Amino acid sequence: MDQNISHPSTIMLRRSDAPTIKQYVLNANKQWEEVDFPISIPDEKPAYQDALDHYLKGNPFSHNLNESEFKVNTIEEYYVKDKDEYILLSDLMRSGQYSRRQKRKILKRNFNEWIKSYNKEKYESVKVAESTFTMIGKISFPRFGFIKQILFVMMFVVMISIVYHENNFVIRLFRPKVGNIVHNSLNSFLANYQWAQIAINISLYAIIVGILVLKFIDTVQNEYRKNYYRTQKMLKNAKNILNRDFRRKSQRARRYYLAKVLNKPDKYPPLRMDQVGESRMTLQRFNNVSKQVVVSGAKIKRWNWLFVSLRFILIWTSLLGGIGLLVLTIYQIIKDFLS
């Protein structure tokens, strides 16, 4: 007998359509005594009772202690199936209509069906989760790498220097004679090419916007990447928890009730639902995590084309525009220097 099972003084064991309900109470001799309590049964069951009866014909191992809409205290409130009829587990254990051999046969069949059903549901949930990661896949993103960032910063500094060439800072970069040549060349360049000033300003703002937008895109994509790997690891751990908890609880419950048939049932209090049902990790929570991955992955894939397009346009517009203007500027400076 399991030493960890509590012995409450009163345990409700039966829900039925009979006009009485059986309750087991510890008497003065520390023995379980069966007592009948009268109850009033309406002519028609309320909808909740019908739903509860249907629920109790299901799988006790799938019972969610925290999220189920039905409050179930022990596994013996569930029904077991004998051919085409359902009987409460508590009634089966204490019924004189069944021999011990028949009880063990019914228990084995029902426990095997419960275990098989839960394993099938768990397998389908895990398969869906794994298929989800295969379908979403590792979305590859072109990175705004370090070299590109350096090029953007350099282009930004050059554009700023051209725009503010009137400032003595530009002249101080060179020797006085060379600095004056650079200063005059820039004035001449901007005077001869009136569109150059507009192009330089556009390039300058394009570089600023490009840096901000590309960093934002990188942040979004990196966050998705981190969440992808974090969720993948979490689902793997959740799968191990589900397997370990279910194996422990199902084997314990099966052994407990098969042993209970061979002994006096009153010496074996019913297993509480926290010893049978889901607690730490549930299939519902497992499925919800998979759905979240699908939703986030679908959003990223839906907008990925826009991210790629923006990245391409901003990078090449900024760099080519800036490089083009820089080449023209250098050409003008060299031309003036040699003349």
C-alpha atoms as a PDB file:
ATOM      1  CA  MET A   1       0.000   0.000   0.000  1.00  0.00           C
ATOM      2  CA  ASP A   2       1.247   3.439  -0.942  1.00  0.00           C
ATOM      3  CA  GLN A   3       2.363   5.283   2.190  1.00  0.00           C
ATOM      4  CA  ASN A   4       2.078   8.712   0.511  1.00  0.00           C
ATOM      5  CA  ILE A   5      -1.700   8.510   0.069  1.00  0.00           C
ATOM      6  CA  SER A   6      -3.618  10.659   2.497  1.00  0.00           C
ATOM      7  CA  HIS A   7      -6.491   9.279   4.615  1.00  0.00           C
ATOM      8  CA  PRO A   8      -9.190  11.929   4.823  1.00  0.00           C
ATOM      9  CA  SER A   9     -11.875  11.206   7.397  1.00  0.00           C
ATOM     10  CA  THR A  10     -14.625  11.575   4.797  1.00  0.00           C
ATOM     11  CA  ILE A  11     -14.389  10.937   1.075  1.00  0.00           C
ATOM     12  CA  MET A  12     -17.176  11.355  -1.473  1.00  0.00           C
ATOM     13  CA  LEU A  13     -17.092   8.445  -3.833  1.00  0.00           C
ATOM     14  CA  ARG A  14     -20.277   8.334  -5.843  1.00  0.00           C
ATOM     15  CA  ARG A  15     -22.294  10.365  -8.278  1.00  0.00           C
ATOM     16  CA  SER A  16     -25.249   8.376  -9.585  1.00  0.00           C
ATOM     17  CA  ASP A  17     -28.924   8.588 -10.446  1.00  0.00           C
ATOM     18  CA  ALA A  18     -29.976   6.639  -7.341  1.00  0.00           C
ATOM     19  CA  PRO A  19     -31.939   8.464  -4.639  1.00  0.00           C
ATOM     20  CA  THR A  20     -29.084   7.907  -2.199  1.00  0.00           C
ATOM     21  CA  ILE A  21     -25.389   8.689  -2.261  1.00  0.00           C
ATOM     22  CA  LYS A  22     -22.840   6.530  -0.515  1.00  0.00           C
ATOM     23  CA  GLN A  23     -20.289   8.137   1.741  1.00  0.00           C
ATOM     24  CA  TYR A  24     -17.441   6.371   3.462  1.00  0.00           C
ATOM     25  CA  VAL A  25     -16.612   7.488   6.996  1.00  0.00           C
ATOM     26  CA  LEU A  26     -13.950   6.296   9.408  1.00  0.00           C
ATOM     27  CA  ASN A  27     -15.703   4.875  12.467  1.00  0.00           C
ATOM     28  CA  ALA A  28     -14.387   4.625  16.025  1.00  0.00           C
ATOM     29  CA  ASN A  29     -12.501   1.411  15.161  1.00  0.00           C
ATOM     30  CA  LYS A  30     -10.625   3.168  12.366  1.00  0.00           C
ATOM     31  CA  GLN A  31     -12.516   1.152   9.767  1.00  0.00           C
ATOM     32  CA  TRP A  32     -14.145   2.529   6.648  1.00  0.00           C
ATOM     33  CA  GLU A  33     -17.920   2.322   7.060  1.00  0.00           C
ATOM     34  CA  GLU A  34     -20.393   2.761   4.207  1.00  0.00           C
ATOM     35  CA  VAL A  35     -23.293   5.095   4.942  1.00  0.00           C
ATOM     36  CA  ASP A  36     -26.253   5.932   2.682  1.00  0.00           C
ATOM     37  CA  PHE A  37     -27.381   9.548   2.515  1.00  0.00           C
ATOM     38  CA  PRO A  38     -30.679  10.412   0.827  1.00  0.00           C
ATOM     39  CA  ILE A  39     -30.543  12.867  -2.038  1.00  0.00           C
ATOM     40  CA  SER A  40     -33.199  14.435  -4.206  1.00  0.00           C
ATOM     41  CA  ILE A  41     -32.877  13.782  -7.931  1.00  0.00           C
ATOM     42  CA  PRO A  42     -34.864  16.021 -10.276  1.00  0.00           C
ATOM     43  CA  ASP A  43     -36.870  14.446 -13.083  1.00  0.00           C
ATOM     44  CA  GLU A  44     -34.567  15.968 -15.648  1.00  0.00           C
ATOM     45  CA  LYS A  45     -30.840  16.421 -15.212  1.00  0.00           C
ATOM     46  CA  PRO A  46     -29.559  19.961 -15.588  1.00  0.00           C
ATOM     47  CA  ALA A  47     -27.252  20.645 -18.521  1.00  0.00           C
ATOM     48  CA  TYR A  48     -24.235  20.900 -16.216  1.00  0.00           C
ATOM     49  CA  GLN A  49     -24.868  17.423 -14.791  1.00  0.00           C
ATOM     50  CA  ASP A  50     -25.174  15.965 -18.280  1.00  0.00           C
ATOM     51  CA  ALA A  51     -21.912  17.623 -19.287  1.00  0.00           C
ATOM     52  CA  LEU A  52     -20.247  16.390 -16.099  1.00  0.00           C
ATOM     53  CA  ASP A  53     -21.424  12.804 -16.641  1.00  0.00           C
ATOM     54  CA  HIS A  54     -20.093  12.932 -20.209  1.00  0.00           C
ATOM     55  CA  TYR A  55     -16.791  14.336 -18.959  1.00  0.00           C
ATOM     56  CA  LEU A  56     -16.453  11.619 -16.305  1.00  0.00           C
ATOM     57  CA  LYS A  57     -16.760   8.981 -19.025  1.00  0.00           C
ATOM     58  CA  GLY A  58     -13.558  10.331 -20.482  1.00  0.00           C
ATOM     59  CA  ASN A  59      -9.898   9.901 -19.608  1.00  0.00           C
ATOM     60  CA  PRO A  60      -8.911  10.774 -16.014  1.00  0.00           C
ATOM     61  CA  PHE A  61      -5.255  11.149 -17.041  1.00  0.00           C
ATOM     62  CA  SER A  62      -6.261  14.101 -19.266  1.00  0.00           C
ATOM     63  CA  HIS A  63      -7.893  15.964 -16.389  1.00  0.00           C
ATOM     64  CA  ASN A  64      -6.349  19.400 -15.977  1.00  0.00           C
ATOM     65  CA  LEU A  65      -6.274  20.338 -12.304  1.00  0.00           C
ATOM     66  CA  ASN A  66      -5.982  24.071 -12.910  1.00  0.00           C
ATOM     67  CA  GLU A  67      -7.941  24.688 -16.099  1.00  0.00           C
ATOM     68  CA  SER A  68     -10.776  22.149 -16.137  1.00  0.00           C
ATOM     69  CA  GLU A  69     -14.295  23.563 -15.790  1.00  0.00           C
ATOM     70  CA  PHE A  70     -15.305  20.515 -13.741  1.00  0.00           C
ATOM     71  CA  LYS A  71     -14.160  19.910 -10.193  1.00  0.00           C
ATOM     72  CA  VAL A  72     -13.225  16.276  -9.730  1.00  0.00           C
ATOM     73  CA  ASN A  73     -11.747  15.126  -6.432  1.00  0.00           C
ATOM     74  CA  THR A  74     -10.787  11.492  -7.000  1.00  0.00           C
ATOM     75  CA  ILE A  75     -10.347   9.080  -9.877  1.00  0.00           C
ATOM     76  CA  GLU A  76     -13.188   6.953  -8.502  1.00  0.00           C
ATOM     77  CA  GLU A  77     -15.660   9.598  -9.644  1.00  0.00           C
ATOM     78  CA  TYR A  78     -14.882   8.514 -13.209  1.00  0.00           C
ATOM     79  CA  TYR A  79     -16.797   5.823 -15.065  1.00  0.00           C
ATOM     80  CA  VAL A  80     -15.316   2.595 -16.366  1.00  0.00           C
ATOM     81  CA  LYS A  81     -16.821   0.744 -19.293  1.00  0.00           C
ATOM     82  CA  ASP A  82     -18.011  -2.842 -19.014  1.00  0.00           C
ATOM     83  CA  LYS A  83     -19.061  -3.973 -22.477  1.00  0.00           C
ATOM     84  CA  ASP A  84     -21.766  -1.433 -23.442  1.00  0.00           C
ATOM     85  CA  GLU A  85     -22.447  -0.135 -19.934  1.00  0.00           C
ATOM     86  CA  TYR A  86     -20.734   2.466 -17.789  1.00  0.00           C
ATOM     87  CA  ILE A  87     -20.245   2.015 -14.059  1.00  0.00           C
ATOM     88  CA  LEU A  88     -18.595   4.275 -11.537  1.00  0.00           C
ATOM     89  CA  LEU A  89     -15.128   3.104 -10.592  1.00  0.00           C
ATOM     90  CA  SER A  90     -16.094   3.383  -6.920  1.00  0.00           C
ATOM     91  CA  ASP A  91     -19.129   1.140  -7.519  1.00  0.00           C
ATOM     92  CA  LEU A  92     -17.046  -1.414  -9.388  1.00  0.00           C
ATOM     93  CA  MET A  93     -14.505  -1.649  -6.587  1.00  0.00           C
ATOM     94  CA  ARG A  94     -17.179  -2.295  -3.942  1.00  0.00           C
ATOM     95  CA  SER A  95     -19.734  -4.184  -5.985  1.00  0.00           C
ATOM     96  CA  GLY A  96     -20.605  -7.741  -5.059  1.00  0.00           C
ATOM     97  CA  GLN A  97     -21.907  -8.470  -8.552  1.00  0.00           C
ATOM     98  CA  TYR A  98     -18.402  -8.847  -9.975  1.00  0.00           C
ATOM     99  CA  SER A  99     -15.786 -11.375  -8.987  1.00  0.00           C
ATOM    100  CA  ARG A 100     -12.214 -10.280  -8.359  1.00  0.00           C
ATOM    101  CA  ARG A 101     -11.231 -11.783 -11.700  1.00  0.00           C
ATOM    102  CA  GLN A 102     -13.936  -9.808 -13.507  1.00  0.00           C
ATOM    103  CA  LYS A 103     -12.960  -6.594 -11.721  1.00  0.00           C
ATOM    104  CA  ARG A 104      -9.300  -7.018 -12.653  1.00  0.00           C
ATOM    105  CA  LYS A 105     -10.277  -7.714 -16.261  1.00  0.00           C
ATOM    106  CA  ILE A 106     -12.445  -4.558 -16.427  1.00  0.00           C
ATOM    107  CA  LEU A 107      -9.766  -2.466 -14.706  1.00  0.00           C
ATOM    108  CA  LYS A 108      -6.995  -3.700 -16.999  1.00  0.00           C
ATOM    109  CA  ARG A 109      -9.058  -3.006 -20.098  1.00  0.00           C
ATOM    110  CA  ASN A 110     -10.054   0.503 -19.018  1.00  0.00           C
ATOM    111  CA  PHE A 111      -6.623   1.507 -17.735  1.00  0.00           C
ATOM    112  CA  ASN A 112      -5.031   0.230 -20.952  1.00  0.00           C
ATOM    113  CA  GLU A 113      -7.535   2.218 -23.016  1.00  0.00           C
ATOM    114  CA  TRP A 114      -6.919   5.373 -20.941  1.00  0.00           C
ATOM    115  CA  ILE A 115      -3.153   4.999 -21.269  1.00  0.00           C
ATOM    116  CA  LYS A 116      -3.375   4.250 -24.998  1.00  0.00           C
ATOM    117  CA  SER A 117      -5.730   7.199 -25.576  1.00  0.00           C
ATOM    118  CA  TYR A 118      -3.506   9.638 -23.686  1.00  0.00           C
ATOM    119  CA  ASN A 119      -0.369   8.424 -25.472  1.00  0.00           C
ATOM    120  CA  LYS A 120      -2.110   8.845 -28.828  1.00  0.00           C
ATOM    121  CA  GLU A 121      -3.208  12.371 -27.950  1.00  0.00           C
ATOM    122  CA  LYS A 122       0.285  13.198 -26.684  1.00  0.00           C
ATOM    123  CA  TYR A 123       1.899  11.729 -29.824  1.00  0.00           C
ATOM    124  CA  GLU A 124      -0.368  13.810 -32.072  1.00  0.00           C
ATOM    125  CA  SER A 125       0.397  16.991 -30.096  1.00  0.00           C
ATOM    126  CA  VAL A 126       4.147  16.376 -30.265  1.00  0.00           C
ATOM    127  CA  LYS A 127       3.914  15.500 -33.965  1.00  0.00           C
ATOM    128  CA  VAL A 128       2.004  18.720 -34.665  1.00  0.00           C
ATOM    129  CA  ALA A 129       4.591  20.730 -32.715  1.00  0.00           C
ATOM    130  CA  GLU A 130       7.502  19.141 -34.576  1.00  0.00           C
ATOM    131  CA  SER A 131       5.721  19.601 -37.923  1.00  0.00           C
ATOM    132  CA  THR A 132       5.166  23.226 -36.990  1.00  0.00           C
ATOM    133  CA  PHE A 133       8.880  23.838 -36.548  1.00  0.00           C
ATOM    134  CA  THR A 134       9.599  22.006 -39.801  1.00  0.00           C
ATOM    135  CA  MET A 135       6.985  24.067 -41.650  1.00  0.00           C
ATOM    136  CA  ILE A 136       8.085  27.402 -40.203  1.00  0.00           C
ATOM    137  CA  GLY A 137      11.723  26.436 -40.521  1.00  0.00           C
ATOM    138  CA  LYS A 138      14.708  28.538 -39.663  1.00  0.00           C
ATOM    139  CA  ILE A 139      13.811  31.703 -41.523  1.00  0.00           C
ATOM    140  CA  SER A 140      17.069  33.082 -42.892  1.00  0.00           C
ATOM    141  CA  PHE A 141      17.564  36.822 -42.669  1.00  0.00           C
ATOM    142  CA  PRO A 142      20.360  38.826 -44.311  1.00  0.00           C
ATOM    143  CA  ARG A 143      22.090  40.584 -41.470  1.00  0.00           C
ATOM    144  CA  PHE A 144      23.013  44.245 -41.250  1.00  0.00           C
ATOM    145  CA  GLY A 145      26.570  43.174 -40.613  1.00  0.00           C
ATOM    146  CA  PHE A 146      29.455  44.989 -38.997  1.00  0.00           C
ATOM    147  CA  ILE A 147      31.162  45.880 -42.310  1.00  0.00           C
ATOM    148  CA  LYS A 148      27.967  47.410 -43.676  1.00  0.00           C
ATOM    149  CA  GLN A 149      27.512  49.388 -40.482  1.00  0.00           C
ATOM    150  CA  ILE A 150      31.071  50.746 -40.772  1.00  0.00           C
ATOM    151  CA  LEU A 151      30.438  51.750 -44.395  1.00  0.00           C
ATOM    152  CA  PHE A 152      27.247  53.563 -43.390  1.00  0.00           C
ATOM    153  CA  VAL A 153      29.037  55.424 -40.609  1.00  0.00           C
ATOM    154  CA  MET A 154      31.884  56.409 -42.937  1.00  0.00           C
ATOM    155  CA  MET A 155      29.432  57.616 -45.582  1.00  0.00           C
ATOM    156  CA  PHE A 156      27.570  59.564 -42.914  1.00  0.00           C
ATOM    157  CA  VAL A 157      30.782  61.290 -41.778  1.00  0.00           C
ATOM    158  CA  VAL A 158      31.742  62.120 -45.381  1.00  0.00           C
ATOM    159  CA  MET A 159      28.296  63.543 -46.172  1.00  0.00           C
ATOM    160  CA  ILE A 160      28.340  65.628 -42.993  1.00  0.00           C
ATOM    161  CA  SER A 161      31.810  66.923 -43.909  1.00  0.00           C
ATOM    162  CA  ILE A 162      30.611  67.959 -47.367  1.00  0.00           C
ATOM    163  CA  VAL A 163      27.440  69.593 -46.080  1.00  0.00           C
ATOM    164  CA  TYR A 164      29.342  71.543 -43.411  1.00  0.00           C
ATOM    165  CA  HIS A 165      32.474  72.202 -45.457  1.00  0.00           C
ATOM    166  CA  GLU A 166      32.284  75.901 -44.579  1.00  0.00           C
ATOM    167  CA  ASN A 167      33.250  74.986 -41.064  1.00  0.00           C
ATOM    168  CA  ASN A 168      36.973  75.304 -40.330  1.00  0.00           C
ATOM    169  CA  PHE A 169      36.946  71.701 -39.106  1.00  0.00           C
ATOM    170  CA  VAL A 170      37.214  70.415 -42.700  1.00  0.00           C
ATOM    171  CA  ILE A 171      40.137  72.715 -43.437  1.00  0.00           C
ATOM    172  CA  ARG A 172      41.942  71.608 -40.272  1.00  0.00           C
ATOM    173  CA  LEU A 173      41.889  68.021 -41.492  1.00  0.00           C
ATOM    174  CA  PHE A 174      44.589  68.940 -43.996  1.00  0.00           C
ATOM    175  CA  ARG A 175      47.521  71.285 -44.185  1.00  0.00           C
ATOM    176  CA  PRO A 176      46.417  74.924 -44.684  1.00  0.00           C
ATOM    177  CA  LYS A 177      47.206  74.960 -48.411  1.00  0.00           C
ATOM    178  CA  VAL A 178      45.534  71.615 -49.088  1.00  0.00           C
ATOM    179  CA  GLY A 179      42.640  72.529 -46.791  1.00  0.00           C
ATOM    180  CA  ASN A 180      41.959  75.694 -48.750  1.00  0.00           C
ATOM    181  CA  ILE A 181      42.052  73.737 -52.012  1.00  0.00           C
ATOM    182  CA  VAL A 182      39.546  71.238 -50.623  1.00  0.00           C
ATOM    183  CA  HIS A 183      37.354  74.060 -49.337  1.00  0.00           C
ATOM    184  CA  ASN A 184      37.410  75.896 -52.665  1.00  0.00           C
ATOM    185  CA  SER A 185      36.872  72.719 -54.626  1.00  0.00           C
ATOM    186  CA  LEU A 186      33.773  71.892 -52.615  1.00  0.00           C
ATOM    187  CA  ASN A 187      32.423  75.414 -53.171  1.00  0.00           C
ATOM    188  CA  SER A 188      33.115  75.108 -56.887  1.00  0.00           C
ATOM    189  CA  PHE A 189      31.582  71.640 -57.044  1.00  0.00           C
ATOM    190  CA  LEU A 190      28.384  72.701 -55.329  1.00  0.00           C
ATOM    191  CA  ALA A 191      28.188  75.866 -57.439  1.00  0.00           C
ATOM    192  CA  ASN A 192      28.713  74.065 -60.752  1.00  0.00           C
ATOM    193  CA  TYR A 193      26.358  71.213 -59.905  1.00  0.00           C
ATOM    194  CA  GLN A 194      23.301  72.716 -58.230  1.00  0.00           C
ATOM    195  CA  TRP A 195      21.670  69.290 -57.997  1.00  0.00           C
ATOM    196  CA  ALA A 196      24.615  68.070 -55.914  1.00  0.00           C
ATOM    197  CA  GLN A 197      23.479  69.912 -52.776  1.00  0.00           C
ATOM    198  CA  ILE A 198      20.028  68.309 -53.028  1.00  0.00           C
ATOM    199  CA  ALA A 199      21.531  64.896 -53.757  1.00  0.00           C
ATOM    200  CA  ILE A 200      23.902  65.180 -50.804  1.00  0.00           C
ATOM    201  CA  ASN A 201      21.052  66.113 -48.435  1.00  0.00           C
ATOM    202  CA  ILE A 202      18.952  63.224 -49.744  1.00  0.00           C
ATOM    203  CA  SER A 203      21.864  60.829 -49.321  1.00  0.00           C
ATOM    204  CA  LEU A 204      22.487  62.116 -45.809  1.00  0.00           C
ATOM    205  CA  TYR A 205      18.872  61.555 -44.734  1.00  0.00           C
ATOM    206  CA  ALA A 206      18.784  58.223 -46.569  1.00  0.00           C
ATOM    207  CA  ILE A 207      21.806  57.049 -44.593  1.00  0.00           C
ATOM    208  CA  ILE A 208      20.237  58.151 -41.286  1.00  0.00           C
ATOM    209  CA  VAL A 209      16.910  56.498 -42.114  1.00  0.00           C
ATOM    210  CA  GLY A 210      18.742  53.433 -43.423  1.00  0.00           C
ATOM    211  CA  ILE A 211      20.700  52.965 -40.199  1.00  0.00           C
ATOM    212  CA  LEU A 212      17.567  53.322 -38.031  1.00  0.00           C
ATOM    213  CA  VAL A 213      15.334  51.091 -40.174  1.00  0.00           C
ATOM    214  CA  LEU A 214      17.972  48.403 -40.673  1.00  0.00           C
ATOM    215  CA  LYS A 215      18.705  48.285 -36.944  1.00  0.00           C
ATOM    216  CA  PHE A 216      14.963  47.991 -36.268  1.00  0.00           C
ATOM    217  CA  ILE A 217      14.626  45.141 -38.767  1.00  0.00           C
ATOM    218  CA  ASP A 218      17.632  43.404 -37.223  1.00  0.00           C
ATOM    219  CA  THR A 219      16.081  43.763 -33.754  1.00  0.00           C
ATOM    220  CA  VAL A 220      12.765  42.236 -34.887  1.00  0.00           C
ATOM    221  CA  GLN A 221      14.451  39.364 -36.662  1.00  0.00           C
ATOM    222  CA  ASN A 222      16.891  38.672 -33.823  1.00  0.00           C
ATOM    223  CA  GLU A 223      14.009  38.622 -31.345  1.00  0.00           C
ATOM    224  CA  TYR A 224      12.158  36.094 -33.499  1.00  0.00           C
ATOM    225  CA  ARG A 225      15.312  34.004 -33.848  1.00  0.00           C
ATOM    226  CA  LYS A 226      15.861  33.961 -30.082  1.00  0.00           C
ATOM    227  CA  ASN A 227      12.198  33.132 -29.447  1.00  0.00           C
ATOM    228  CA  TYR A 228      12.344  30.332 -32.022  1.00  0.00           C
ATOM    229  CA  TYR A 229      15.262  28.574 -30.353  1.00  0.00           C
ATOM    230  CA  ARG A 230      13.912  29.279 -26.843  1.00  0.00           C
ATOM    231  CA  THR A 231      10.510  27.805 -27.736  1.00  0.00           C
ATOM    232  CA  GLN A 232      12.110  24.812 -29.429  1.00  0.00           C
ATOM    233  CA  LYS A 233      14.095  24.072 -26.283  1.00  0.00           C
ATOM    234  CA  MET A 234      11.051  24.629 -24.060  1.00  0.00           C
ATOM    235  CA  LEU A 235       8.920  22.217 -26.101  1.00  0.00           C
ATOM    236  CA  LYS A 236      11.639  19.595 -25.887  1.00  0.00           C
ATOM    237  CA  ASN A 237      11.715  19.955 -22.086  1.00  0.00           C
ATOM    238  CA  ALA A 238       7.899  19.954 -21.963  1.00  0.00           C
ATOM    239  CA  LYS A 239       7.814  16.727 -23.953  1.00  0.00           C
ATOM    240  CA  ASN A 240      10.163  15.092 -21.449  1.00  0.00           C
ATOM    241  CA  ILE A 241       8.053  16.352 -18.523  1.00  0.00           C
ATOM    242  CA  LEU A 242       4.851  15.028 -20.113  1.00  0.00           C
ATOM    243  CA  ASN A 243       6.405  11.620 -20.720  1.00  0.00           C
ATOM    244  CA  ARG A 244       7.915  11.339 -17.261  1.00  0.00           C
ATOM    245  CA  ASP A 245       4.854  12.563 -15.308  1.00  0.00           C
ATOM    246  CA  PHE A 246       2.363  10.492 -17.269  1.00  0.00           C
ATOM    247  CA  ARG A 247       4.442   7.318 -17.063  1.00  0.00           C
ATOM    248  CA  ARG A 248       4.818   7.706 -13.297  1.00  0.00           C
ATOM    249  CA  LYS A 249       1.170   8.535 -12.586  1.00  0.00           C
ATOM    250  CA  SER A 250      -0.398   6.001 -14.950  1.00  0.00           C
ATOM    251  CA  GLN A 251       1.754   3.077 -13.795  1.00  0.00           C
ATOM    252  CA  ARG A 252       1.168   3.952 -10.167  1.00  0.00           C
ATOM    253  CA  ALA A 253      -2.631   4.234 -10.573  1.00  0.00           C
ATOM    254  CA  ARG A 254      -2.845   0.980 -12.535  1.00  0.00           C
ATOM    255  CA  ARG A 255      -0.800  -0.995 -10.016  1.00  0.00           C
ATOM    256  CA  TYR A 256      -2.691   0.574  -7.122  1.00  0.00           C
ATOM    257  CA  TYR A 257      -6.161  -0.457  -8.319  1.00  0.00           C
ATOM    258  CA  LEU A 258      -5.162  -3.898  -9.529  1.00  0.00           C
ATOM    259  CA  ALA A 259      -3.737  -4.510  -6.048  1.00  0.00           C
ATOM    260  CA  LYS A 260      -6.836  -2.970  -4.464  1.00  0.00           C
ATOM    261  CA  VAL A 261      -9.075  -5.597  -6.078  1.00  0.00           C
ATOM    262  CA  LEU A 262      -7.207  -8.342  -4.254  1.00  0.00           C
ATOM    263  CA  ASN A 263      -7.622  -6.676  -0.861  1.00  0.00           C
ATOM    264  CA  LYS A 264     -10.420  -5.054   1.073  1.00  0.00           C
ATOM    265  CA  PRO A 265     -11.313  -1.914  -0.896  1.00  0.00           C
ATOM    266  CA  ASP A 266     -12.054   0.079   2.256  1.00  0.00           C
ATOM    267  CA  LYS A 267      -8.382  -0.128   3.205  1.00  0.00           C
ATOM    268  CA  TYR A 268      -7.450   1.670  -0.022  1.00  0.00           C
ATOM    269  CA  PRO A 269      -8.702   5.248  -0.164  1.00  0.00           C
ATOM    270  CA  PRO A 270      -9.306   6.565  -3.697  1.00  0.00           C
ATOM    271  CA  LEU A 271      -6.461   8.297  -5.511  1.00  0.00           C
ATOM    272  CA  ARG A 272      -6.810  12.061  -5.588  1.00  0.00           C
ATOM    273  CA  MET A 273      -6.802  13.771  -8.980  1.00  0.00           C
ATOM    274  CA  ASP A 274      -3.511  15.520  -8.248  1.00  0.00           C
ATOM    275  CA  GLN A 275      -2.047  11.983  -8.140  1.00  0.00           C
ATOM    276  CA  VAL A 276      -3.582  11.122 -11.505  1.00  0.00           C
ATOM    277  CA  GLY A 277      -4.320  14.156 -13.691  1.00  0.00           C
ATOM    278  CA  GLU A 278      -2.080  16.631 -15.463  1.00  0.00           C
ATOM    279  CA  SER A 279      -0.373  19.238 -13.294  1.00  0.00           C
ATOM    280  CA  ARG A 280       3.078  20.605 -14.211  1.00  0.00           C
ATOM    281  CA  MET A 281       2.742  20.479 -17.988  1.00  0.00           C
ATOM    282  CA  THR A 282      -0.510  19.870 -19.851  1.00  0.00           C
ATOM    283  CA  LEU A 283      -1.228  18.897 -23.441  1.00  0.00           C
ATOM    284  CA  GLN A 284      -3.340  22.032 -23.795  1.00  0.00           C
ATOM    285  CA  ARG A 285      -0.453  24.260 -22.753  1.00  0.00           C
ATOM    286  CA  PHE A 286       1.861  22.299 -25.042  1.00  0.00           C
ATOM    287  CA  ASN A 287      -0.515  22.865 -27.972  1.00  0.00           C
ATOM    288  CA  ASN A 288      -0.858  26.572 -27.145  1.00  0.00           C
ATOM    289  CA  VAL A 289       2.906  27.050 -27.325  1.00  0.00           C
ATOM    290  CA  SER A 290       2.951  25.378 -30.755  1.00  0.00           C
ATOM    291  CA  LYS A 291       0.190  27.687 -31.973  1.00  0.00           C
ATOM    292  CA  GLN A 292       2.124  30.738 -30.785  1.00  0.00           C
ATOM    293  CA  VAL A 293       5.128  29.627 -32.841  1.00  0.00           C
ATOM    294  CA  VAL A 294       2.901  29.257 -35.902  1.00  0.00           C
ATOM    295  CA  VAL A 295       1.389  32.720 -35.425  1.00  0.00           C
ATOM    296  CA  SER A 296       4.708  34.503 -34.862  1.00  0.00           C
ATOM    297  CA  GLY A 297       6.429  32.595 -37.671  1.00  0.00           C
ATOM    298  CA  ALA A 298       3.581  33.344 -40.085  1.00  0.00           C
ATOM    299  CA  LYS A 299       3.787  37.059 -39.275  1.00  0.00           C
ATOM    300  CA  ILE A 300       7.530  37.134 -39.861  1.00  0.00           C
ATOM    301  CA  LYS A 301       7.202  35.236 -43.138  1.00  0.00           C
ATOM    302  CA  ARG A 302       4.358  37.494 -44.239  1.00  0.00           C
ATOM    303  CA  TRP A 303       6.468  40.626 -43.726  1.00  0.00           C
ATOM    304  CA  ASN A 304       9.842  39.141 -44.579  1.00  0.00           C
ATOM    305  CA  TRP A 305       9.580  40.167 -48.249  1.00  0.00           C
ATOM    306  CA  LEU A 306       9.088  43.774 -47.131  1.00  0.00           C
ATOM    307  CA  PHE A 307      12.071  43.580 -44.777  1.00  0.00           C
ATOM    308  CA  VAL A 308      14.266  42.152 -47.544  1.00  0.00           C
ATOM    309  CA  SER A 309      13.096  44.788 -50.045  1.00  0.00           C
ATOM    310  CA  LEU A 310      13.620  47.666 -47.622  1.00  0.00           C
ATOM    311  CA  ARG A 311      17.037  46.352 -46.682  1.00  0.00           C
ATOM    312  CA  PHE A 312      18.081  46.080 -50.339  1.00  0.00           C
ATOM    313  CA  ILE A 313      16.724  49.524 -51.300  1.00  0.00           C
ATOM    314  CA  LEU A 314      18.134  51.358 -48.277  1.00  0.00           C
ATOM    315  CA  ILE A 315      21.563  49.752 -48.435  1.00  0.00           C
ATOM    316  CA  TRP A 316      22.195  50.191 -52.135  1.00  0.00           C
ATOM    317  CA  THR A 317      20.496  53.577 -52.447  1.00  0.00           C
ATOM    318  CA  SER A 318      22.503  54.976 -49.558  1.00  0.00           C
ATOM    319  CA  LEU A 319      25.810  53.395 -50.477  1.00  0.00           C
ATOM    320  CA  LEU A 320      25.654  53.907 -54.241  1.00  0.00           C
ATOM    321  CA  GLY A 321      24.316  57.449 -53.883  1.00  0.00           C
ATOM    322  CA  GLY A 322      26.920  58.317 -51.311  1.00  0.00           C
ATOM    323  CA  ILE A 323      29.749  56.638 -53.205  1.00  0.00           C
ATOM    324  CA  GLY A 324      28.693  58.343 -56.435  1.00  0.00           C
ATOM    325  CA  LEU A 325      28.695  61.778 -54.839  1.00  0.00           C
ATOM    326  CA  LEU A 326      31.964  61.040 -53.082  1.00  0.00           C
ATOM    327  CA  VAL A 327      33.617  60.057 -56.376  1.00  0.00           C
ATOM    328  CA  LEU A 328      32.412  63.257 -58.051  1.00  0.00           C
ATOM    329  CA  THR A 329      33.615  65.319 -55.107  1.00  0.00           C
ATOM    330  CA  ILE A 330      37.050  63.665 -55.101  1.00  0.00           C
ATOM    331  CA  TYR A 331      37.275  64.111 -58.850  1.00  0.00           C
ATOM    332  CA  GLN A 332      36.558  67.857 -58.492  1.00  0.00           C
ATOM    333  CA  ILE A 333      39.130  68.186 -55.702  1.00  0.00           C
ATOM    334  CA  ILE A 334      41.850  66.367 -57.698  1.00  0.00           C
ATOM    335  CA  LYS A 335      41.009  68.407 -60.790  1.00  0.00           C
ATOM    336  CA  ASP A 336      41.353  71.683 -58.867  1.00  0.00           C
ATOM    337  CA  PHE A 337      44.480  70.465 -57.101  1.00  0.00           C
ATOM    338  CA  LEU A 338      46.237  69.641 -60.381  1.00  0.00           C
ATOM    339  CA  SER A 339      45.164  72.821 -62.140  1.00  0.00           C
END
